[in-house]
Amino acid sequence: MNAHPGHEHPASGHTASGHGEADGEGSGAIELGNEFAQVRGSRVDTRNGSRLLIESPKSGHRVALCPLELEALTWQGPQTFSAMIARPFASLVEPEDER
C-alpha cells in the first residue's frame, strides 16, 4: 500500500501522513531494511484509536494503518504484493471518480 505524503486514506478517513489525528507517538520504533528498501514502523495513538505508522525515510512516503487494515494484509497472497511492487506509487484499484 503505497501512500503519497498528505493524501487521505479513504478506508479509514485519516491522512496517509499520519498527521492531523495523532494524539501522540508511541515509543519503540522499529526499522527494517535491505538492499531494496528501508522502512520505519511505530505505533501512533489517534482520536480514532491506535495505528501503525509505516514510513519510508528515503522517499518520504508514509501510511498509518488501523488494525483492520493490517489484518487485511494477512489475507493477501504473494501475487498482491508482487503487483504492488511492479507498479510503485500506483493504486491497485481505480479511484471511484474515474470508473
PDB file of N, CA and C in Angstrom:
ATOM      1  N   MET A   1       0.832  -1.174   0.000  1.00  0.00           N
ATOM      2  CA  MET A   1       0.000   0.000   0.000  1.00  0.00           C
ATOM      3  C   MET A   1       0.872   1.231   0.000  1.00  0.00           C
ATOM      4  N   ASN A   2       1.075   1.763  -1.105  1.00  0.00           N
ATOM      5  CA  ASN A   2       1.884   2.959  -1.167  1.00  0.00           C
ATOM      6  C   ASN A   2       1.006   4.174  -1.022  1.00  0.00           C
ATOM      7  N   ALA A   3       1.347   5.003  -0.065  1.00  0.00           N
ATOM      8  CA  ALA A   3       0.595   6.231   0.127  1.00  0.00           C
ATOM      9  C   ALA A   3       1.507   7.395  -0.192  1.00  0.00           C
ATOM     10  N   HIS A   4       0.920   8.432  -0.702  1.00  0.00           N
ATOM     11  CA  HIS A   4       1.690   9.620  -1.019  1.00  0.00           C
ATOM     12  C   HIS A   4       1.547  10.609   0.121  1.00  0.00           C
ATOM     13  N   PRO A   5       2.589  11.371   0.419  1.00  0.00           N
ATOM     14  CA  PRO A   5       2.531  12.287   1.554  1.00  0.00           C
ATOM     15  C   PRO A   5       1.311  13.193   1.476  1.00  0.00           C
ATOM     16  N   GLY A   6       0.562  13.239   2.581  1.00  0.00           N
ATOM     17  CA  GLY A   6      -0.558  14.143   2.701  1.00  0.00           C
ATOM     18  C   GLY A   6      -1.850  13.693   2.045  1.00  0.00           C
ATOM     19  N   HIS A   7      -1.857  12.579   1.328  1.00  0.00           N
ATOM     20  CA  HIS A   7      -3.087  12.114   0.696  1.00  0.00           C
ATOM     21  C   HIS A   7      -3.954  11.418   1.728  1.00  0.00           C
ATOM     22  N   GLU A   8      -5.255  11.576   1.596  1.00  0.00           N
ATOM     23  CA  GLU A   8      -6.166  10.946   2.536  1.00  0.00           C
ATOM     24  C   GLU A   8      -6.347   9.480   2.208  1.00  0.00           C
ATOM     25  N   HIS A   9      -6.404   8.670   3.226  1.00  0.00           N
ATOM     26  CA  HIS A   9      -6.621   7.240   3.102  1.00  0.00           C
ATOM     27  C   HIS A   9      -8.112   7.018   3.261  1.00  0.00           C
ATOM     28  N   PRO A  10      -8.856   6.769   2.164  1.00  0.00           N
ATOM     29  CA  PRO A  10     -10.306   6.749   2.221  1.00  0.00           C
ATOM     30  C   PRO A  10     -10.915   5.679   3.121  1.00  0.00           C
ATOM     31  N   ALA A  11     -10.290   4.542   3.257  1.00  0.00           N
ATOM     32  CA  ALA A  11     -10.892   3.451   4.023  1.00  0.00           C
ATOM     33  C   ALA A  11     -11.010   3.794   5.504  1.00  0.00           C
ATOM     34  N   SER A  12     -10.104   4.597   6.017  1.00  0.00           N
ATOM     35  CA  SER A  12     -10.129   4.868   7.437  1.00  0.00           C
ATOM     36  C   SER A  12     -10.385   6.325   7.768  1.00  0.00           C
ATOM     37  N   GLY A  13     -10.429   7.197   6.754  1.00  0.00           N
ATOM     38  CA  GLY A  13     -10.728   8.591   6.996  1.00  0.00           C
ATOM     39  C   GLY A  13      -9.604   9.371   7.634  1.00  0.00           C
ATOM     40  N   HIS A  14      -8.387   8.866   7.571  1.00  0.00           N
ATOM     41  CA  HIS A  14      -7.267   9.611   8.116  1.00  0.00           C
ATOM     42  C   HIS A  14      -6.265   9.896   7.022  1.00  0.00           C
ATOM     43  N   THR A  15      -5.390  10.825   7.280  1.00  0.00           N
ATOM     44  CA  THR A  15      -4.421  11.152   6.259  1.00  0.00           C
ATOM     45  C   THR A  15      -3.295  10.145   6.252  1.00  0.00           C
ATOM     46  N   ALA A  16      -2.786   9.871   5.079  1.00  0.00           N
ATOM     47  CA  ALA A  16      -1.703   8.913   4.942  1.00  0.00           C
ATOM     48  C   ALA A  16      -0.451   9.402   5.645  1.00  0.00           C
ATOM     49  N   SER A  17      -0.331  10.693   5.833  1.00  0.00           N
ATOM     50  CA  SER A  17       0.840  11.226   6.507  1.00  0.00           C
ATOM     51  C   SER A  17       0.824  10.902   7.988  1.00  0.00           C
ATOM     52  N   GLY A  18      -0.348  10.488   8.489  1.00  0.00           N
ATOM     53  CA  GLY A  18      -0.439  10.168   9.900  1.00  0.00           C
ATOM     54  C   GLY A  18      -0.590  11.410  10.755  1.00  0.00           C
ATOM     55  N   HIS A  19      -0.575  12.598  10.172  1.00  0.00           N
ATOM     56  CA  HIS A  19      -0.697  13.831  10.928  1.00  0.00           C
ATOM     57  C   HIS A  19      -2.146  14.266  10.934  1.00  0.00           C
ATOM     58  N   GLY A  20      -2.487  15.152  11.827  1.00  0.00           N
ATOM     59  CA  GLY A  20      -3.837  15.664  11.889  1.00  0.00           C
ATOM     60  C   GLY A  20      -4.670  14.947  12.922  1.00  0.00           C
ATOM     61  N   GLU A  21      -4.490  13.669  13.102  1.00  0.00           N
ATOM     62  CA  GLU A  21      -5.239  12.919  14.096  1.00  0.00           C
ATOM     63  C   GLU A  21      -4.378  12.488  15.265  1.00  0.00           C
ATOM     64  N   ALA A  22      -3.104  12.479  15.086  1.00  0.00           N
ATOM     65  CA  ALA A  22      -2.234  11.886  16.087  1.00  0.00           C
ATOM     66  C   ALA A  22      -2.292  12.639  17.401  1.00  0.00           C
ATOM     67  N   ASP A  23      -2.599  11.922  18.473  1.00  0.00           N
ATOM     68  CA  ASP A  23      -2.563  12.493  19.802  1.00  0.00           C
ATOM     69  C   ASP A  23      -1.160  12.360  20.378  1.00  0.00           C
ATOM     70  N   GLY A  24      -0.410  11.375  19.885  1.00  0.00           N
ATOM     71  CA  GLY A  24       0.948  11.182  20.357  1.00  0.00           C
ATOM     72  C   GLY A  24       1.535   9.930  19.775  1.00  0.00           C
ATOM     73  N   GLU A  25       2.832   9.955  19.554  1.00  0.00           N
ATOM     74  CA  GLU A  25       3.505   8.780  19.023  1.00  0.00           C
ATOM     75  C   GLU A  25       3.952   7.896  20.170  1.00  0.00           C
ATOM     76  N   GLY A  26       3.836   6.612  19.973  1.00  0.00           N
ATOM     77  CA  GLY A  26       4.338   5.668  20.951  1.00  0.00           C
ATOM     78  C   GLY A  26       5.838   5.523  20.809  1.00  0.00           C
ATOM     79  N   SER A  27       6.434   4.862  21.757  1.00  0.00           N
ATOM     80  CA  SER A  27       7.874   4.653  21.676  1.00  0.00           C
ATOM     81  C   SER A  27       8.144   3.286  21.073  1.00  0.00           C
ATOM     82  N   GLY A  28       9.405   2.979  20.866  1.00  0.00           N
ATOM     83  CA  GLY A  28       9.776   1.672  20.378  1.00  0.00           C
ATOM     84  C   GLY A  28       9.665   1.502  18.884  1.00  0.00           C
ATOM     85  N   ALA A  29      10.076   2.512  18.122  1.00  0.00           N
ATOM     86  CA  ALA A  29      10.059   2.391  16.665  1.00  0.00           C
ATOM     87  C   ALA A  29      10.959   1.238  16.249  1.00  0.00           C
ATOM     88  N   ILE A  30      10.579   0.603  15.159  1.00  0.00           N
ATOM     89  CA  ILE A  30      11.373  -0.490  14.612  1.00  0.00           C
ATOM     90  C   ILE A  30      11.775  -0.112  13.191  1.00  0.00           C
ATOM     91  N   GLU A  31      13.017  -0.403  12.837  1.00  0.00           N
ATOM     92  CA  GLU A  31      13.498  -0.135  11.489  1.00  0.00           C
ATOM     93  C   GLU A  31      13.909  -1.440  10.832  1.00  0.00           C
ATOM     94  N   LEU A  32      13.498  -1.593   9.581  1.00  0.00           N
ATOM     95  CA  LEU A  32      13.847  -2.766   8.791  1.00  0.00           C
ATOM     96  C   LEU A  32      14.400  -2.285   7.466  1.00  0.00           C
ATOM     97  N   GLY A  33      15.380  -2.994   6.961  1.00  0.00           N
ATOM     98  CA  GLY A  33      15.914  -2.599   5.674  1.00  0.00           C
ATOM     99  C   GLY A  33      16.710  -3.717   5.025  1.00  0.00           C
ATOM    100  N   ASN A  34      16.863  -3.559   3.724  1.00  0.00           N
ATOM    101  CA  ASN A  34      17.716  -4.444   2.947  1.00  0.00           C
ATOM    102  C   ASN A  34      18.262  -3.628   1.783  1.00  0.00           C
ATOM    103  N   GLU A  35      18.786  -4.274   0.773  1.00  0.00           N
ATOM    104  CA  GLU A  35      19.366  -3.537  -0.354  1.00  0.00           C
ATOM    105  C   GLU A  35      18.312  -2.837  -1.208  1.00  0.00           C
ATOM    106  N   PHE A  36      17.023  -3.154  -1.017  1.00  0.00           N
ATOM    107  CA  PHE A  36      15.953  -2.583  -1.838  1.00  0.00           C
ATOM    108  C   PHE A  36      15.154  -1.483  -1.145  1.00  0.00           C
ATOM    109  N   ALA A  37      15.027  -1.552   0.164  1.00  0.00           N
ATOM    110  CA  ALA A  37      14.158  -0.610   0.867  1.00  0.00           C
ATOM    111  C   ALA A  37      14.579  -0.452   2.321  1.00  0.00           C
ATOM    112  N   GLN A  38      14.184   0.666   2.886  1.00  0.00           N
ATOM    113  CA  GLN A  38      14.373   0.964   4.304  1.00  0.00           C
ATOM    114  C   GLN A  38      13.051   1.506   4.818  1.00  0.00           C
ATOM    115  N   VAL A  39      12.502   0.921   5.885  1.00  0.00           N
ATOM    116  CA  VAL A  39      11.248   1.394   6.461  1.00  0.00           C
ATOM    117  C   VAL A  39      11.363   1.487   7.977  1.00  0.00           C
ATOM    118  N   ARG A  40      10.519   2.351   8.522  1.00  0.00           N
ATOM    119  CA  ARG A  40      10.458   2.523   9.972  1.00  0.00           C
ATOM    120  C   ARG A  40       8.990   2.393  10.370  1.00  0.00           C
ATOM    121  N   GLY A  41       8.726   1.646  11.409  1.00  0.00           N
ATOM    122  CA  GLY A  41       7.361   1.472  11.897  1.00  0.00           C
ATOM    123  C   GLY A  41       7.263   1.910  13.339  1.00  0.00           C
ATOM    124  N   SER A  42       6.150   2.565  13.667  1.00  0.00           N
ATOM    125  CA  SER A  42       5.915   2.967  15.052  1.00  0.00           C
ATOM    126  C   SER A  42       4.421   3.043  15.308  1.00  0.00           C
ATOM    127  N   ARG A  43       4.054   2.893  16.542  1.00  0.00           N
ATOM    128  CA  ARG A  43       2.660   2.998  16.943  1.00  0.00           C
ATOM    129  C   ARG A  43       2.340   4.464  17.202  1.00  0.00           C
ATOM    130  N   VAL A  44       1.209   4.921  16.667  1.00  0.00           N
ATOM    131  CA  VAL A  44       0.716   6.258  16.960  1.00  0.00           C
ATOM    132  C   VAL A  44      -0.701   6.131  17.495  1.00  0.00           C
ATOM    133  N   ASP A  45      -1.012   6.927  18.484  1.00  0.00           N
ATOM    134  CA  ASP A  45      -2.344   6.939  19.055  1.00  0.00           C
ATOM    135  C   ASP A  45      -3.085   8.142  18.491  1.00  0.00           C
ATOM    136  N   THR A  46      -4.267   7.884  17.943  1.00  0.00           N
ATOM    137  CA  THR A  46      -5.079   8.941  17.360  1.00  0.00           C
ATOM    138  C   THR A  46      -6.409   8.993  18.096  1.00  0.00           C
ATOM    139  N   ARG A  47      -7.218   9.972  17.791  1.00  0.00           N
ATOM    140  CA  ARG A  47      -8.534  10.049  18.441  1.00  0.00           C
ATOM    141  C   ARG A  47      -9.437   8.899  17.992  1.00  0.00           C
ATOM    142  N   ASN A  48      -9.038   8.208  16.915  1.00  0.00           N
ATOM    143  CA  ASN A  48      -9.794   7.059  16.419  1.00  0.00           C
ATOM    144  C   ASN A  48      -9.136   5.727  16.767  1.00  0.00           C
ATOM    145  N   GLY A  49      -8.199   5.751  17.674  1.00  0.00           N
ATOM    146  CA  GLY A  49      -7.528   4.518  18.081  1.00  0.00           C
ATOM    147  C   GLY A  49      -6.089   4.475  17.614  1.00  0.00           C
ATOM    148  N   SER A  50      -5.422   3.390  17.922  1.00  0.00           N
ATOM    149  CA  SER A  50      -4.016   3.223  17.571  1.00  0.00           C
ATOM    150  C   SER A  50      -3.851   2.859  16.104  1.00  0.00           C
ATOM    151  N   ARG A  51      -2.751   3.284  15.532  1.00  0.00           N
ATOM    152  CA  ARG A  51      -2.391   2.988  14.150  1.00  0.00           C
ATOM    153  C   ARG A  51      -0.924   2.559  14.117  1.00  0.00           C
ATOM    154  N   LEU A  52      -0.573   1.797  13.098  1.00  0.00           N
ATOM    155  CA  LEU A  52       0.825   1.507  12.828  1.00  0.00           C
ATOM    156  C   LEU A  52       1.261   2.472  11.737  1.00  0.00           C
ATOM    157  N   LEU A  53       2.170   3.361  12.071  1.00  0.00           N
ATOM    158  CA  LEU A  53       2.705   4.320  11.116  1.00  0.00           C
ATOM    159  C   LEU A  53       3.921   3.690  10.457  1.00  0.00           C
ATOM    160  N   ILE A  54       3.866   3.526   9.151  1.00  0.00           N
ATOM    161  CA  ILE A  54       4.979   2.960   8.389  1.00  0.00           C
ATOM    162  C   ILE A  54       5.525   4.071   7.512  1.00  0.00           C
ATOM    163  N   GLU A  55       6.811   4.349   7.650  1.00  0.00           N
ATOM    164  CA  GLU A  55       7.449   5.434   6.920  1.00  0.00           C
ATOM    165  C   GLU A  55       8.618   4.926   6.094  1.00  0.00           C
ATOM    166  N   SER A  56       8.802   5.534   4.938  1.00  0.00           N
ATOM    167  CA  SER A  56       9.967   5.277   4.106  1.00  0.00           C
ATOM    168  C   SER A  56      10.831   6.526   4.152  1.00  0.00           C
ATOM    169  N   PRO A  57      11.903   6.523   4.943  1.00  0.00           N
ATOM    170  CA  PRO A  57      12.738   7.716   5.053  1.00  0.00           C
ATOM    171  C   PRO A  57      13.318   8.171   3.709  1.00  0.00           C
ATOM    172  N   LYS A  58      13.609   7.235   2.846  1.00  0.00           N
ATOM    173  CA  LYS A  58      14.207   7.568   1.554  1.00  0.00           C
ATOM    174  C   LYS A  58      13.243   8.334   0.650  1.00  0.00           C
ATOM    175  N   SER A  59      11.994   7.869   0.551  1.00  0.00           N
ATOM    176  CA  SER A  59      11.031   8.503  -0.354  1.00  0.00           C
ATOM    177  C   SER A  59      10.175   9.566   0.322  1.00  0.00           C
ATOM    178  N   GLY A  60      10.074   9.500   1.644  1.00  0.00           N
ATOM    179  CA  GLY A  60       9.214  10.424   2.358  1.00  0.00           C
ATOM    180  C   GLY A  60       7.767   9.976   2.416  1.00  0.00           C
ATOM    181  N   HIS A  61       7.440   8.834   1.832  1.00  0.00           N
ATOM    182  CA  HIS A  61       6.072   8.317   1.870  1.00  0.00           C
ATOM    183  C   HIS A  61       5.811   7.697   3.234  1.00  0.00           C
ATOM    184  N   ARG A  62       4.545   7.757   3.633  1.00  0.00           N
ATOM    185  CA  ARG A  62       4.134   7.170   4.911  1.00  0.00           C
ATOM    186  C   ARG A  62       2.667   6.802   4.840  1.00  0.00           C
ATOM    187  N   VAL A  63       2.299   5.838   5.656  1.00  0.00           N
ATOM    188  CA  VAL A  63       0.897   5.426   5.764  1.00  0.00           C
ATOM    189  C   VAL A  63       0.647   5.000   7.204  1.00  0.00           C
ATOM    190  N   ALA A  64      -0.533   5.334   7.714  1.00  0.00           N
ATOM    191  CA  ALA A  64      -0.944   4.923   9.049  1.00  0.00           C
ATOM    192  C   ALA A  64      -2.093   3.935   8.884  1.00  0.00           C
ATOM    193  N   LEU A  65      -1.889   2.716   9.346  1.00  0.00           N
ATOM    194  CA  LEU A  65      -2.874   1.647   9.147  1.00  0.00           C
ATOM    195  C   LEU A  65      -3.527   1.261  10.468  1.00  0.00           C
ATOM    196  N   CYS A  66      -4.857   1.092  10.436  1.00  0.00           N
ATOM    197  CA  CYS A  66      -5.598   0.643  11.615  1.00  0.00           C
ATOM    198  C   CYS A  66      -5.470  -0.882  11.710  1.00  0.00           C
ATOM    199  N   PRO A  67      -5.892  -1.462  12.839  1.00  0.00           N
ATOM    200  CA  PRO A  67      -5.790  -2.917  12.987  1.00  0.00           C
ATOM    201  C   PRO A  67      -6.496  -3.710  11.885  1.00  0.00           C
ATOM    202  N   LEU A  68      -7.670  -3.271  11.427  1.00  0.00           N
ATOM    203  CA  LEU A  68      -8.369  -3.997  10.366  1.00  0.00           C
ATOM    204  C   LEU A  68      -7.579  -3.948   9.053  1.00  0.00           C
ATOM    205  N   GLU A  69      -7.007  -2.795   8.730  1.00  0.00           N
ATOM    206  CA  GLU A  69      -6.192  -2.680   7.512  1.00  0.00           C
ATOM    207  C   GLU A  69      -4.960  -3.578   7.600  1.00  0.00           C
ATOM    208  N   LEU A  70      -4.378  -3.665   8.787  1.00  0.00           N
ATOM    209  CA  LEU A  70      -3.224  -4.553   8.971  1.00  0.00           C
ATOM    210  C   LEU A  70      -3.633  -6.019   8.830  1.00  0.00           C
ATOM    211  N   GLU A  71      -4.767  -6.383   9.416  1.00  0.00           N
ATOM    212  CA  GLU A  71      -5.224  -7.763   9.279  1.00  0.00           C
ATOM    213  C   GLU A  71      -5.510  -8.082   7.815  1.00  0.00           C
ATOM    214  N   ALA A  72      -6.056  -7.110   7.071  1.00  0.00           N
ATOM    215  CA  ALA A  72      -6.349  -7.333   5.649  1.00  0.00           C
ATOM    216  C   ALA A  72      -5.082  -7.691   4.877  1.00  0.00           C
ATOM    217  N   LEU A  73      -3.942  -7.199   5.318  1.00  0.00           N
ATOM    218  CA  LEU A  73      -2.678  -7.579   4.665  1.00  0.00           C
ATOM    219  C   LEU A  73      -2.434  -9.078   4.781  1.00  0.00           C
ATOM    220  N   THR A  74      -2.876  -9.673   5.889  1.00  0.00           N
ATOM    221  CA  THR A  74      -2.650 -11.114   6.089  1.00  0.00           C
ATOM    222  C   THR A  74      -3.536 -11.960   5.189  1.00  0.00           C
ATOM    223  N   TRP A  75      -4.571 -11.353   4.622  1.00  0.00           N
ATOM    224  CA  TRP A  75      -5.480 -12.079   3.736  1.00  0.00           C
ATOM    225  C   TRP A  75      -4.941 -12.140   2.313  1.00  0.00           C
ATOM    226  N   GLN A  76      -3.894 -11.397   2.031  1.00  0.00           N
ATOM    227  CA  GLN A  76      -3.385 -11.276   0.666  1.00  0.00           C
ATOM    228  C   GLN A  76      -2.378 -12.380   0.340  1.00  0.00           C
ATOM    229  N   GLY A  77      -2.337 -12.740  -0.916  1.00  0.00           N
ATOM    230  CA  GLY A  77      -1.359 -13.710  -1.389  1.00  0.00           C
ATOM    231  C   GLY A  77      -0.151 -12.987  -1.968  1.00  0.00           C
ATOM    232  N   PRO A  78       0.882 -13.726  -2.276  1.00  0.00           N
ATOM    233  CA  PRO A  78       2.109 -13.133  -2.825  1.00  0.00           C
ATOM    234  C   PRO A  78       1.865 -12.332  -4.101  1.00  0.00           C
ATOM    235  N   GLN A  79       0.863 -12.720  -4.894  1.00  0.00           N
ATOM    236  CA  GLN A  79       0.598 -12.008  -6.143  1.00  0.00           C
ATOM    237  C   GLN A  79       0.170 -10.563  -5.907  1.00  0.00           C
ATOM    238  N   THR A  80      -0.527 -10.299  -4.797  1.00  0.00           N
ATOM    239  CA  THR A  80      -0.931  -8.920  -4.480  1.00  0.00           C
ATOM    240  C   THR A  80       0.296  -8.060  -4.217  1.00  0.00           C
ATOM    241  N   PHE A  81       1.218  -8.573  -3.433  1.00  0.00           N
ATOM    242  CA  PHE A  81       2.428  -7.812  -3.117  1.00  0.00           C
ATOM    243  C   PHE A  81       3.310  -7.659  -4.354  1.00  0.00           C
ATOM    244  N   SER A  82       3.355  -8.691  -5.179  1.00  0.00           N
ATOM    245  CA  SER A  82       4.117  -8.590  -6.439  1.00  0.00           C
ATOM    246  C   SER A  82       3.531  -7.500  -7.330  1.00  0.00           C
ATOM    247  N   ALA A  83       2.203  -7.404  -7.372  1.00  0.00           N
ATOM    248  CA  ALA A  83       1.552  -6.374  -8.185  1.00  0.00           C
ATOM    249  C   ALA A  83       1.864  -4.981  -7.653  1.00  0.00           C
ATOM    250  N   MET A  84       1.890  -4.817  -6.346  1.00  0.00           N
ATOM    251  CA  MET A  84       2.217  -3.509  -5.764  1.00  0.00           C
ATOM    252  C   MET A  84       3.656  -3.123  -6.069  1.00  0.00           C
ATOM    253  N   ILE A  85       4.566  -4.068  -5.955  1.00  0.00           N
ATOM    254  CA  ILE A  85       5.985  -3.792  -6.207  1.00  0.00           C
ATOM    255  C   ILE A  85       6.231  -3.516  -7.687  1.00  0.00           C
ATOM    256  N   ALA A  86       5.488  -4.177  -8.561  1.00  0.00           N
ATOM    257  CA  ALA A  86       5.667  -4.000 -10.006  1.00  0.00           C
ATOM    258  C   ALA A  86       5.266  -2.603 -10.472  1.00  0.00           C
ATOM    259  N   ARG A  87       4.344  -1.962  -9.736  1.00  0.00           N
ATOM    260  CA  ARG A  87       3.858  -0.629 -10.118  1.00  0.00           C
ATOM    261  C   ARG A  87       3.990   0.319  -8.934  1.00  0.00           C
ATOM    262  N   PRO A  88       5.209   0.715  -8.602  1.00  0.00           N
ATOM    263  CA  PRO A  88       5.399   1.590  -7.439  1.00  0.00           C
ATOM    264  C   PRO A  88       4.573   2.872  -7.557  1.00  0.00           C
ATOM    265  N   PHE A  89       4.009   3.290  -6.438  1.00  0.00           N
ATOM    266  CA  PHE A  89       3.258   4.540  -6.307  1.00  0.00           C
ATOM    267  C   PHE A  89       1.935   4.531  -7.073  1.00  0.00           C
ATOM    268  N   ALA A  90       1.546   3.407  -7.669  1.00  0.00           N
ATOM    269  CA  ALA A  90       0.278   3.309  -8.385  1.00  0.00           C
ATOM    270  C   ALA A  90      -0.732   2.574  -7.509  1.00  0.00           C
ATOM    271  N   SER A  91      -1.983   2.916  -7.662  1.00  0.00           N
ATOM    272  CA  SER A  91      -3.048   2.259  -6.929  1.00  0.00           C
ATOM    273  C   SER A  91      -3.368   0.916  -7.583  1.00  0.00           C
ATOM    274  N   LEU A  92      -3.779  -0.052  -6.784  1.00  0.00           N
ATOM    275  CA  LEU A  92      -4.207  -1.342  -7.330  1.00  0.00           C
ATOM    276  C   LEU A  92      -5.637  -1.271  -7.840  1.00  0.00           C
ATOM    277  N   VAL A  93      -6.374  -0.270  -7.417  1.00  0.00           N
ATOM    278  CA  VAL A  93      -7.759  -0.098  -7.855  1.00  0.00           C
ATOM    279  C   VAL A  93      -7.920   1.310  -8.427  1.00  0.00           C
ATOM    280  N   GLU A  94      -8.888   1.443  -9.336  1.00  0.00           N
ATOM    281  CA  GLU A  94      -9.169   2.754  -9.917  1.00  0.00           C
ATOM    282  C   GLU A  94      -9.935   3.601  -8.914  1.00  0.00           C
ATOM    283  N   PRO A  95      -9.597   4.884  -8.824  1.00  0.00           N
ATOM    284  CA  PRO A  95     -10.403   5.759  -7.963  1.00  0.00           C
ATOM    285  C   PRO A  95     -11.847   5.774  -8.462  1.00  0.00           C
ATOM    286  N   GLU A  96     -12.799   5.905  -7.573  1.00  0.00           N
ATOM    287  CA  GLU A  96     -14.220   5.836  -7.923  1.00  0.00           C
ATOM    288  C   GLU A  96     -14.626   6.862  -8.959  1.00  0.00           C
ATOM    289  N   ASP A  97     -14.029   8.049  -8.937  1.00  0.00           N
ATOM    290  CA  ASP A  97     -14.419   9.090  -9.876  1.00  0.00           C
ATOM    291  C   ASP A  97     -13.920   8.835 -11.294  1.00  0.00           C
ATOM    292  N   GLU A  98     -13.047   7.855 -11.472  1.00  0.00           N
ATOM    293  CA  GLU A  98     -12.522   7.538 -12.804  1.00  0.00           C
ATOM    294  C   GLU A  98     -13.182   6.312 -13.411  1.00  0.00           C
ATOM    295  N   ARG A  99     -14.106   5.693 -12.710  1.00  0.00           N
ATOM    296  CA  ARG A  99     -14.771   4.475 -13.214  1.00  0.00           C
ATOM    297  C   ARG A  99     -15.851   4.811 -14.185  1.00  0.00           C
TER     298      ARG A  99
END
